Amino acid sequence: MMKNLIKSALLFLFLMIGVCLFSQENCQVLKPEIAGSYTGKCKNGLAQGKGKAIGKDTYEGTFSKGLPEGKGTYTWSTGEVYTGEWKEGYQEGEGQYTFKKGGNDTIIAGIWIKDVYTGPKPAKPRIKSSLGVDRYDIRRVGDIKNRVLIDFFQSGSRNIGIENFLMTTTSGYETSVGQSVGYEGIIFPVVIKLNYTTWNKLHTAQNYIIFEFEITEPGDWKVEVHN
């Protein structure tokens, strides 16, 4: 009986290995340069998830629908290496490209769009001066418009006690959306400075506010100032 169990277990193991091998052979990689052999996760006959593909070139990282997607390392047959973000089979996002130049390793790091290097990663927004500001939030919300919109809050609600308001910029023209104010048509980098007075939380005295910030990366930005 024990021998029969062992035979059954071995048979099951061989069948599973065969299924795995079959699935790997039928798991396609759609980028021609790496479409040779593939080991890794698969879904609906296409490379999906973590895997490694070897063809003329080699890629190891994550896949989606048969193409490099997410993060991974691509090594060309000529020795160049790119490690970073991918989208639909293209170098897309932040990454680092290493190649030989004059016999030495040379590194280019920054942002890529459809395999084209567009420049170094933009610096994060920088506060140049701040007076009377409890906290702030500066975040990029889109890339359709080159715009900065600013909202003012106090104790979790809109700050409606602002007086003597002055706002200046190094580029762009004034705009407003609802209760948000700011600039659009901006050429980045941009420096925006806010000056105003506002009541304190107890409404017993007025504070003078200065908030000056710089944004380098183009896009549609949202700024919240809390007093």
C-alpha atoms as a PDB file:
ATOM      1  CA  MET A   1       0.000   0.000   0.000  1.00  0.00           C
ATOM      2  CA  MET A   2       2.866   2.339   0.862  1.00  0.00           C
ATOM      3  CA  LYS A   3       4.461   1.662  -2.545  1.00  0.00           C
ATOM      4  CA  ASN A   4       1.198   2.585  -4.262  1.00  0.00           C
ATOM      5  CA  LEU A   5       1.032   5.854  -2.323  1.00  0.00           C
ATOM      6  CA  ILE A   6       4.613   6.686  -3.284  1.00  0.00           C
ATOM      7  CA  LYS A   7       3.913   5.894  -6.934  1.00  0.00           C
ATOM      8  CA  SER A   8       0.789   8.067  -6.868  1.00  0.00           C
ATOM      9  CA  ALA A   9       2.688  10.950  -5.273  1.00  0.00           C
ATOM     10  CA  LEU A  10       5.499  10.711  -7.824  1.00  0.00           C
ATOM     11  CA  LEU A  11       3.022  10.585 -10.680  1.00  0.00           C
ATOM     12  CA  PHE A  12       1.242  13.659  -9.357  1.00  0.00           C
ATOM     13  CA  LEU A  13       4.570  15.479  -9.013  1.00  0.00           C
ATOM     14  CA  PHE A  14       5.578  14.646 -12.598  1.00  0.00           C
ATOM     15  CA  LEU A  15       2.184  15.788 -13.870  1.00  0.00           C
ATOM     16  CA  MET A  16       2.510  19.111 -11.995  1.00  0.00           C
ATOM     17  CA  ILE A  17       6.012  19.663 -13.366  1.00  0.00           C
ATOM     18  CA  GLY A  18       4.715  18.937 -16.842  1.00  0.00           C
ATOM     19  CA  VAL A  19       1.835  21.392 -16.408  1.00  0.00           C
ATOM     20  CA  CYS A  20       4.253  24.068 -15.161  1.00  0.00           C
ATOM     21  CA  LEU A  21       6.638  23.498 -18.067  1.00  0.00           C
ATOM     22  CA  PHE A  22       3.765  23.560 -20.517  1.00  0.00           C
ATOM     23  CA  SER A  23       2.415  26.791 -19.028  1.00  0.00           C
ATOM     24  CA  GLN A  24       5.865  28.437 -19.208  1.00  0.00           C
ATOM     25  CA  GLU A  25       6.289  27.423 -22.842  1.00  0.00           C
ATOM     26  CA  ASN A  26       2.905  28.932 -23.649  1.00  0.00           C
ATOM     27  CA  CYS A  27       3.391  32.097 -21.615  1.00  0.00           C
ATOM     28  CA  GLN A  28       4.127  34.834 -24.143  1.00  0.00           C
ATOM     29  CA  VAL A  29       6.275  37.927 -23.844  1.00  0.00           C
ATOM     30  CA  LEU A  30       5.185  40.537 -26.386  1.00  0.00           C
ATOM     31  CA  LYS A  31       8.331  42.650 -26.514  1.00  0.00           C
ATOM     32  CA  PRO A  32      10.284  41.081 -29.425  1.00  0.00           C
ATOM     33  CA  GLU A  33      13.760  41.830 -28.061  1.00  0.00           C
ATOM     34  CA  ILE A  34      13.157  39.673 -24.952  1.00  0.00           C
ATOM     35  CA  ALA A  35      10.719  37.148 -26.421  1.00  0.00           C
ATOM     36  CA  GLY A  36      12.838  33.999 -26.130  1.00  0.00           C
ATOM     37  CA  SER A  37      12.527  32.040 -22.906  1.00  0.00           C
ATOM     38  CA  TYR A  38      10.416  33.121 -19.928  1.00  0.00           C
ATOM     39  CA  THR A  39      10.212  32.024 -16.311  1.00  0.00           C
ATOM     40  CA  GLY A  40       7.748  33.588 -13.926  1.00  0.00           C
ATOM     41  CA  LYS A  41       4.085  34.237 -13.350  1.00  0.00           C
ATOM     42  CA  CYS A  42       1.560  33.985 -16.142  1.00  0.00           C
ATOM     43  CA  LYS A  43      -2.072  34.900 -16.773  1.00  0.00           C
ATOM     44  CA  ASN A  44      -4.200  34.098 -19.809  1.00  0.00           C
ATOM     45  CA  GLY A  45      -1.126  32.978 -21.738  1.00  0.00           C
ATOM     46  CA  LEU A  46       0.801  36.218 -21.136  1.00  0.00           C
ATOM     47  CA  ALA A  47       3.598  37.140 -18.734  1.00  0.00           C
ATOM     48  CA  GLN A  48       1.971  38.706 -15.681  1.00  0.00           C
ATOM     49  CA  GLY A  49       3.631  39.609 -12.384  1.00  0.00           C
ATOM     50  CA  LYS A  50       7.255  38.935 -11.515  1.00  0.00           C
ATOM     51  CA  GLY A  51       9.325  37.132 -14.110  1.00  0.00           C
ATOM     52  CA  LYS A  52      12.444  36.972 -16.256  1.00  0.00           C
ATOM     53  CA  ALA A  53      12.519  37.044 -20.041  1.00  0.00           C
ATOM     54  CA  ILE A  54      15.579  36.279 -22.151  1.00  0.00           C
ATOM     55  CA  GLY A  55      15.851  36.924 -25.859  1.00  0.00           C
ATOM     56  CA  LYS A  56      18.346  39.101 -27.670  1.00  0.00           C
ATOM     57  CA  ASP A  57      18.184  41.257 -24.530  1.00  0.00           C
ATOM     58  CA  THR A  58      17.195  40.350 -20.954  1.00  0.00           C
ATOM     59  CA  TYR A  59      14.546  41.777 -18.647  1.00  0.00           C
ATOM     60  CA  GLU A  60      13.852  40.840 -15.038  1.00  0.00           C
ATOM     61  CA  GLY A  61      11.063  42.487 -13.106  1.00  0.00           C
ATOM     62  CA  THR A  62       7.284  42.810 -13.275  1.00  0.00           C
ATOM     63  CA  PHE A  63       5.069  42.263 -16.312  1.00  0.00           C
ATOM     64  CA  SER A  64       1.525  43.129 -17.275  1.00  0.00           C
ATOM     65  CA  LYS A  65      -0.247  41.536 -20.250  1.00  0.00           C
ATOM     66  CA  GLY A  66       3.039  40.281 -21.689  1.00  0.00           C
ATOM     67  CA  LEU A  67       4.967  43.557 -21.438  1.00  0.00           C
ATOM     68  CA  PRO A  68       7.352  45.050 -18.881  1.00  0.00           C
ATOM     69  CA  GLU A  69       5.237  47.098 -16.464  1.00  0.00           C
ATOM     70  CA  GLY A  70       6.121  48.451 -13.044  1.00  0.00           C
ATOM     71  CA  LYS A  71       9.725  48.106 -11.929  1.00  0.00           C
ATOM     72  CA  GLY A  72      12.465  46.048 -13.513  1.00  0.00           C
ATOM     73  CA  THR A  73      15.960  45.794 -14.936  1.00  0.00           C
ATOM     74  CA  TYR A  74      16.597  45.606 -18.679  1.00  0.00           C
ATOM     75  CA  THR A  75      20.019  44.545 -19.966  1.00  0.00           C
ATOM     76  CA  TRP A  76      20.855  45.072 -23.633  1.00  0.00           C
ATOM     77  CA  SER A  77      23.020  42.596 -25.522  1.00  0.00           C
ATOM     78  CA  THR A  78      25.553  45.414 -25.888  1.00  0.00           C
ATOM     79  CA  GLY A  79      25.903  45.743 -22.110  1.00  0.00           C
ATOM     80  CA  GLU A  80      23.821  48.820 -21.282  1.00  0.00           C
ATOM     81  CA  VAL A  81      21.501  48.482 -18.273  1.00  0.00           C
ATOM     82  CA  TYR A  82      18.322  50.347 -17.305  1.00  0.00           C
ATOM     83  CA  THR A  83      16.805  49.877 -13.848  1.00  0.00           C
ATOM     84  CA  GLY A  84      13.591  51.681 -13.074  1.00  0.00           C
ATOM     85  CA  GLU A  85       9.950  52.109 -13.984  1.00  0.00           C
ATOM     86  CA  TRP A  86       8.172  50.684 -17.031  1.00  0.00           C
ATOM     87  CA  LYS A  87       4.794  51.119 -18.685  1.00  0.00           C
ATOM     88  CA  GLU A  88       3.396  49.075 -21.578  1.00  0.00           C
ATOM     89  CA  GLY A  89       6.886  47.889 -22.519  1.00  0.00           C
ATOM     90  CA  TYR A  90       8.493  51.343 -22.464  1.00  0.00           C
ATOM     91  CA  GLN A  91      10.906  52.993 -20.064  1.00  0.00           C
ATOM     92  CA  GLU A  92       8.400  55.288 -18.383  1.00  0.00           C
ATOM     93  CA  GLY A  93       8.937  57.138 -15.133  1.00  0.00           C
ATOM     94  CA  GLU A  94      11.949  57.319 -12.882  1.00  0.00           C
ATOM     95  CA  GLY A  95      14.988  55.221 -13.754  1.00  0.00           C
ATOM     96  CA  GLN A  96      18.746  54.883 -14.060  1.00  0.00           C
ATOM     97  CA  TYR A  97      20.618  54.051 -17.266  1.00  0.00           C
ATOM     98  CA  THR A  98      24.199  52.741 -17.095  1.00  0.00           C
ATOM     99  CA  PHE A  99      26.546  52.482 -20.076  1.00  0.00           C
ATOM    100  CA  LYS A 100      30.232  52.550 -20.936  1.00  0.00           C
ATOM    101  CA  LYS A 101      31.838  55.764 -22.145  1.00  0.00           C
ATOM    102  CA  GLY A 102      35.579  55.949 -22.660  1.00  0.00           C
ATOM    103  CA  GLY A 103      35.946  52.665 -20.816  1.00  0.00           C
ATOM    104  CA  ASN A 104      34.218  54.034 -17.711  1.00  0.00           C
ATOM    105  CA  ASP A 105      30.730  53.434 -16.326  1.00  0.00           C
ATOM    106  CA  THR A 106      28.454  56.410 -17.017  1.00  0.00           C
ATOM    107  CA  ILE A 107      25.086  56.838 -15.295  1.00  0.00           C
ATOM    108  CA  ILE A 108      22.109  58.884 -16.413  1.00  0.00           C
ATOM    109  CA  ALA A 109      19.346  59.123 -13.801  1.00  0.00           C
ATOM    110  CA  GLY A 110      16.030  60.897 -14.069  1.00  0.00           C
ATOM    111  CA  ILE A 111      12.672  60.740 -15.832  1.00  0.00           C
ATOM    112  CA  TRP A 112      11.874  58.755 -18.985  1.00  0.00           C
ATOM    113  CA  ILE A 113       8.870  58.935 -21.316  1.00  0.00           C
ATOM    114  CA  LYS A 114       8.440  56.156 -23.908  1.00  0.00           C
ATOM    115  CA  ASP A 115      12.145  55.211 -23.836  1.00  0.00           C
ATOM    116  CA  VAL A 116      13.270  58.848 -24.141  1.00  0.00           C
ATOM    117  CA  TYR A 117      15.231  60.540 -21.367  1.00  0.00           C
ATOM    118  CA  THR A 118      13.575  63.866 -20.525  1.00  0.00           C
ATOM    119  CA  GLY A 119      15.879  65.131 -17.772  1.00  0.00           C
ATOM    120  CA  PRO A 120      16.686  64.750 -14.087  1.00  0.00           C
ATOM    121  CA  LYS A 121      13.944  64.220 -11.523  1.00  0.00           C
ATOM    122  CA  PRO A 122      12.472  67.618 -10.598  1.00  0.00           C
ATOM    123  CA  ALA A 123      13.176  68.878  -7.113  1.00  0.00           C
ATOM    124  CA  LYS A 124      10.380  68.688  -4.545  1.00  0.00           C
ATOM    125  CA  PRO A 125       8.474  71.901  -3.736  1.00  0.00           C
ATOM    126  CA  ARG A 126      10.578  74.130  -1.487  1.00  0.00           C
ATOM    127  CA  ILE A 127       9.469  76.594   1.183  1.00  0.00           C
ATOM    128  CA  LYS A 128      11.469  79.813   0.884  1.00  0.00           C
ATOM    129  CA  SER A 129       9.899  81.636   3.843  1.00  0.00           C
ATOM    130  CA  SER A 130       7.097  80.954   6.315  1.00  0.00           C
ATOM    131  CA  LEU A 131       5.654  83.055   9.145  1.00  0.00           C
ATOM    132  CA  GLY A 132       2.481  82.308  11.095  1.00  0.00           C
ATOM    133  CA  VAL A 133       1.676  79.113   9.165  1.00  0.00           C
ATOM    134  CA  ASP A 134       0.720  76.100  11.330  1.00  0.00           C
ATOM    135  CA  ARG A 135       1.063  73.572   8.526  1.00  0.00           C
ATOM    136  CA  TYR A 136       0.812  73.267   4.756  1.00  0.00           C
ATOM    137  CA  ASP A 137       0.342  70.707   2.010  1.00  0.00           C
ATOM    138  CA  ILE A 138       1.646  70.996  -1.561  1.00  0.00           C
ATOM    139  CA  ARG A 139       0.728  68.196  -3.964  1.00  0.00           C
ATOM    140  CA  ARG A 140       0.555  67.593  -7.699  1.00  0.00           C
ATOM    141  CA  VAL A 141      -2.970  66.600  -8.752  1.00  0.00           C
ATOM    142  CA  GLY A 142      -2.599  66.383 -12.541  1.00  0.00           C
ATOM    143  CA  ASP A 143      -0.583  67.324 -15.605  1.00  0.00           C
ATOM    144  CA  ILE A 144      -3.136  68.811 -18.001  1.00  0.00           C
ATOM    145  CA  LYS A 145      -2.692  72.399 -16.809  1.00  0.00           C
ATOM    146  CA  ASN A 146       0.322  74.347 -15.613  1.00  0.00           C
ATOM    147  CA  ARG A 147      -1.549  75.764 -12.657  1.00  0.00           C
ATOM    148  CA  VAL A 148      -1.304  76.354  -8.905  1.00  0.00           C
ATOM    149  CA  LEU A 149      -4.479  76.686  -6.817  1.00  0.00           C
ATOM    150  CA  ILE A 150      -4.314  77.717  -3.161  1.00  0.00           C
ATOM    151  CA  ASP A 151      -6.808  77.111  -0.339  1.00  0.00           C
ATOM    152  CA  PHE A 152      -6.770  78.611   3.154  1.00  0.00           C
ATOM    153  CA  PHE A 153      -7.964  76.777   6.272  1.00  0.00           C
ATOM    154  CA  GLN A 154      -8.282  77.315   9.995  1.00  0.00           C
ATOM    155  CA  SER A 155      -9.393  74.713  12.557  1.00  0.00           C
ATOM    156  CA  GLY A 156     -10.436  72.343   9.757  1.00  0.00           C
ATOM    157  CA  SER A 157     -12.687  74.839   7.950  1.00  0.00           C
ATOM    158  CA  ARG A 158     -12.213  77.473   5.278  1.00  0.00           C
ATOM    159  CA  ASN A 159     -10.475  80.530   6.643  1.00  0.00           C
ATOM    160  CA  ILE A 160     -12.865  83.400   5.916  1.00  0.00           C
ATOM    161  CA  GLY A 161     -11.089  85.906   8.157  1.00  0.00           C
ATOM    162  CA  ILE A 162      -8.308  86.833   5.741  1.00  0.00           C
ATOM    163  CA  GLU A 163      -7.548  90.542   5.250  1.00  0.00           C
ATOM    164  CA  ASN A 164      -4.926  92.653   3.446  1.00  0.00           C
ATOM    165  CA  PHE A 165      -4.299  89.808   1.033  1.00  0.00           C
ATOM    166  CA  LEU A 166      -1.415  90.098  -1.433  1.00  0.00           C
ATOM    167  CA  MET A 167      -0.264  87.349  -3.798  1.00  0.00           C
ATOM    168  CA  THR A 168       2.650  87.563  -6.241  1.00  0.00           C
ATOM    169  CA  THR A 169       4.254  85.164  -8.721  1.00  0.00           C
ATOM    170  CA  THR A 170       7.221  84.928 -11.056  1.00  0.00           C
ATOM    171  CA  SER A 171       4.980  83.777 -13.947  1.00  0.00           C
ATOM    172  CA  GLY A 172       1.355  83.078 -14.863  1.00  0.00           C
ATOM    173  CA  TYR A 173      -1.887  85.015 -14.547  1.00  0.00           C
ATOM    174  CA  GLU A 174      -4.395  85.072 -11.696  1.00  0.00           C
ATOM    175  CA  THR A 175      -7.243  82.590 -11.653  1.00  0.00           C
ATOM    176  CA  SER A 176      -9.862  81.253  -9.239  1.00  0.00           C
ATOM    177  CA  VAL A 177     -11.925  78.084  -9.002  1.00  0.00           C
ATOM    178  CA  GLY A 178     -14.646  78.279  -6.352  1.00  0.00           C
ATOM    179  CA  GLN A 179     -12.906  79.464  -3.186  1.00  0.00           C
ATOM    180  CA  SER A 180      -9.461  78.520  -4.487  1.00  0.00           C
ATOM    181  CA  VAL A 181      -7.174  81.252  -5.830  1.00  0.00           C
ATOM    182  CA  GLY A 182      -3.892  81.034  -7.696  1.00  0.00           C
ATOM    183  CA  TYR A 183      -2.298  81.199 -11.112  1.00  0.00           C
ATOM    184  CA  GLU A 184      -2.411  79.340 -14.406  1.00  0.00           C
ATOM    185  CA  GLY A 185      -0.356  79.581 -17.577  1.00  0.00           C
ATOM    186  CA  ILE A 186       2.671  79.160 -15.334  1.00  0.00           C
ATOM    187  CA  ILE A 187       6.189  78.621 -16.622  1.00  0.00           C
ATOM    188  CA  PHE A 188       8.031  76.398 -14.157  1.00  0.00           C
ATOM    189  CA  PRO A 189       9.978  76.747 -11.954  1.00  0.00           C
ATOM    190  CA  VAL A 190       7.697  79.257 -10.261  1.00  0.00           C
ATOM    191  CA  VAL A 191       7.929  81.155  -6.969  1.00  0.00           C
ATOM    192  CA  ILE A 192       4.658  82.294  -5.349  1.00  0.00           C
ATOM    193  CA  LYS A 193       4.500  84.532  -2.291  1.00  0.00           C
ATOM    194  CA  LEU A 194       1.489  85.129  -0.043  1.00  0.00           C
ATOM    195  CA  ASN A 195       1.106  87.987   2.443  1.00  0.00           C
ATOM    196  CA  TYR A 196      -2.027  88.544   4.546  1.00  0.00           C
ATOM    197  CA  THR A 197      -3.423  89.031   8.036  1.00  0.00           C
ATOM    198  CA  THR A 198      -5.863  86.691   9.730  1.00  0.00           C
ATOM    199  CA  TRP A 199      -7.465  86.216  13.137  1.00  0.00           C
ATOM    200  CA  ASN A 200      -5.962  83.599  15.430  1.00  0.00           C
ATOM    201  CA  LYS A 201      -7.976  80.517  16.394  1.00  0.00           C
ATOM    202  CA  LEU A 202      -9.426  82.207  19.502  1.00  0.00           C
ATOM    203  CA  HIS A 203     -10.319  85.290  17.451  1.00  0.00           C
ATOM    204  CA  THR A 204      -8.568  87.511  19.990  1.00  0.00           C
ATOM    205  CA  ALA A 205      -5.771  88.920  17.833  1.00  0.00           C
ATOM    206  CA  GLN A 206      -4.646  89.174  14.226  1.00  0.00           C
ATOM    207  CA  ASN A 207      -1.508  87.503  12.926  1.00  0.00           C
ATOM    208  CA  TYR A 208       0.632  88.573   9.980  1.00  0.00           C
ATOM    209  CA  ILE A 209       1.250  85.688   7.552  1.00  0.00           C
ATOM    210  CA  ILE A 210       4.057  85.195   5.049  1.00  0.00           C
ATOM    211  CA  PHE A 211       4.247  82.048   2.940  1.00  0.00           C
ATOM    212  CA  GLU A 212       6.617  81.819  -0.024  1.00  0.00           C
ATOM    213  CA  PHE A 213       7.233  78.595  -1.945  1.00  0.00           C
ATOM    214  CA  GLU A 214       8.878  77.317  -5.128  1.00  0.00           C
ATOM    215  CA  ILE A 215       7.593  74.547  -7.424  1.00  0.00           C
ATOM    216  CA  THR A 216       9.916  73.153 -10.093  1.00  0.00           C
ATOM    217  CA  GLU A 217       7.929  70.351 -11.731  1.00  0.00           C
ATOM    218  CA  PRO A 218       5.284  71.332 -14.333  1.00  0.00           C
ATOM    219  CA  GLY A 219       1.711  70.232 -13.671  1.00  0.00           C
ATOM    220  CA  ASP A 220      -1.524  71.063 -11.910  1.00  0.00           C
ATOM    221  CA  TRP A 221      -0.781  71.769  -8.224  1.00  0.00           C
ATOM    222  CA  LYS A 222      -2.900  72.150  -5.104  1.00  0.00           C
ATOM    223  CA  VAL A 223      -1.637  74.081  -2.081  1.00  0.00           C
ATOM    224  CA  GLU A 224      -3.299  74.161   1.360  1.00  0.00           C
ATOM    225  CA  VAL A 225      -2.280  76.723   3.977  1.00  0.00           C
ATOM    226  CA  HIS A 226      -3.448  76.217   7.584  1.00  0.00           C
ATOM    227  CA  ASN A 227      -3.305  79.018  10.168  1.00  0.00           C
END
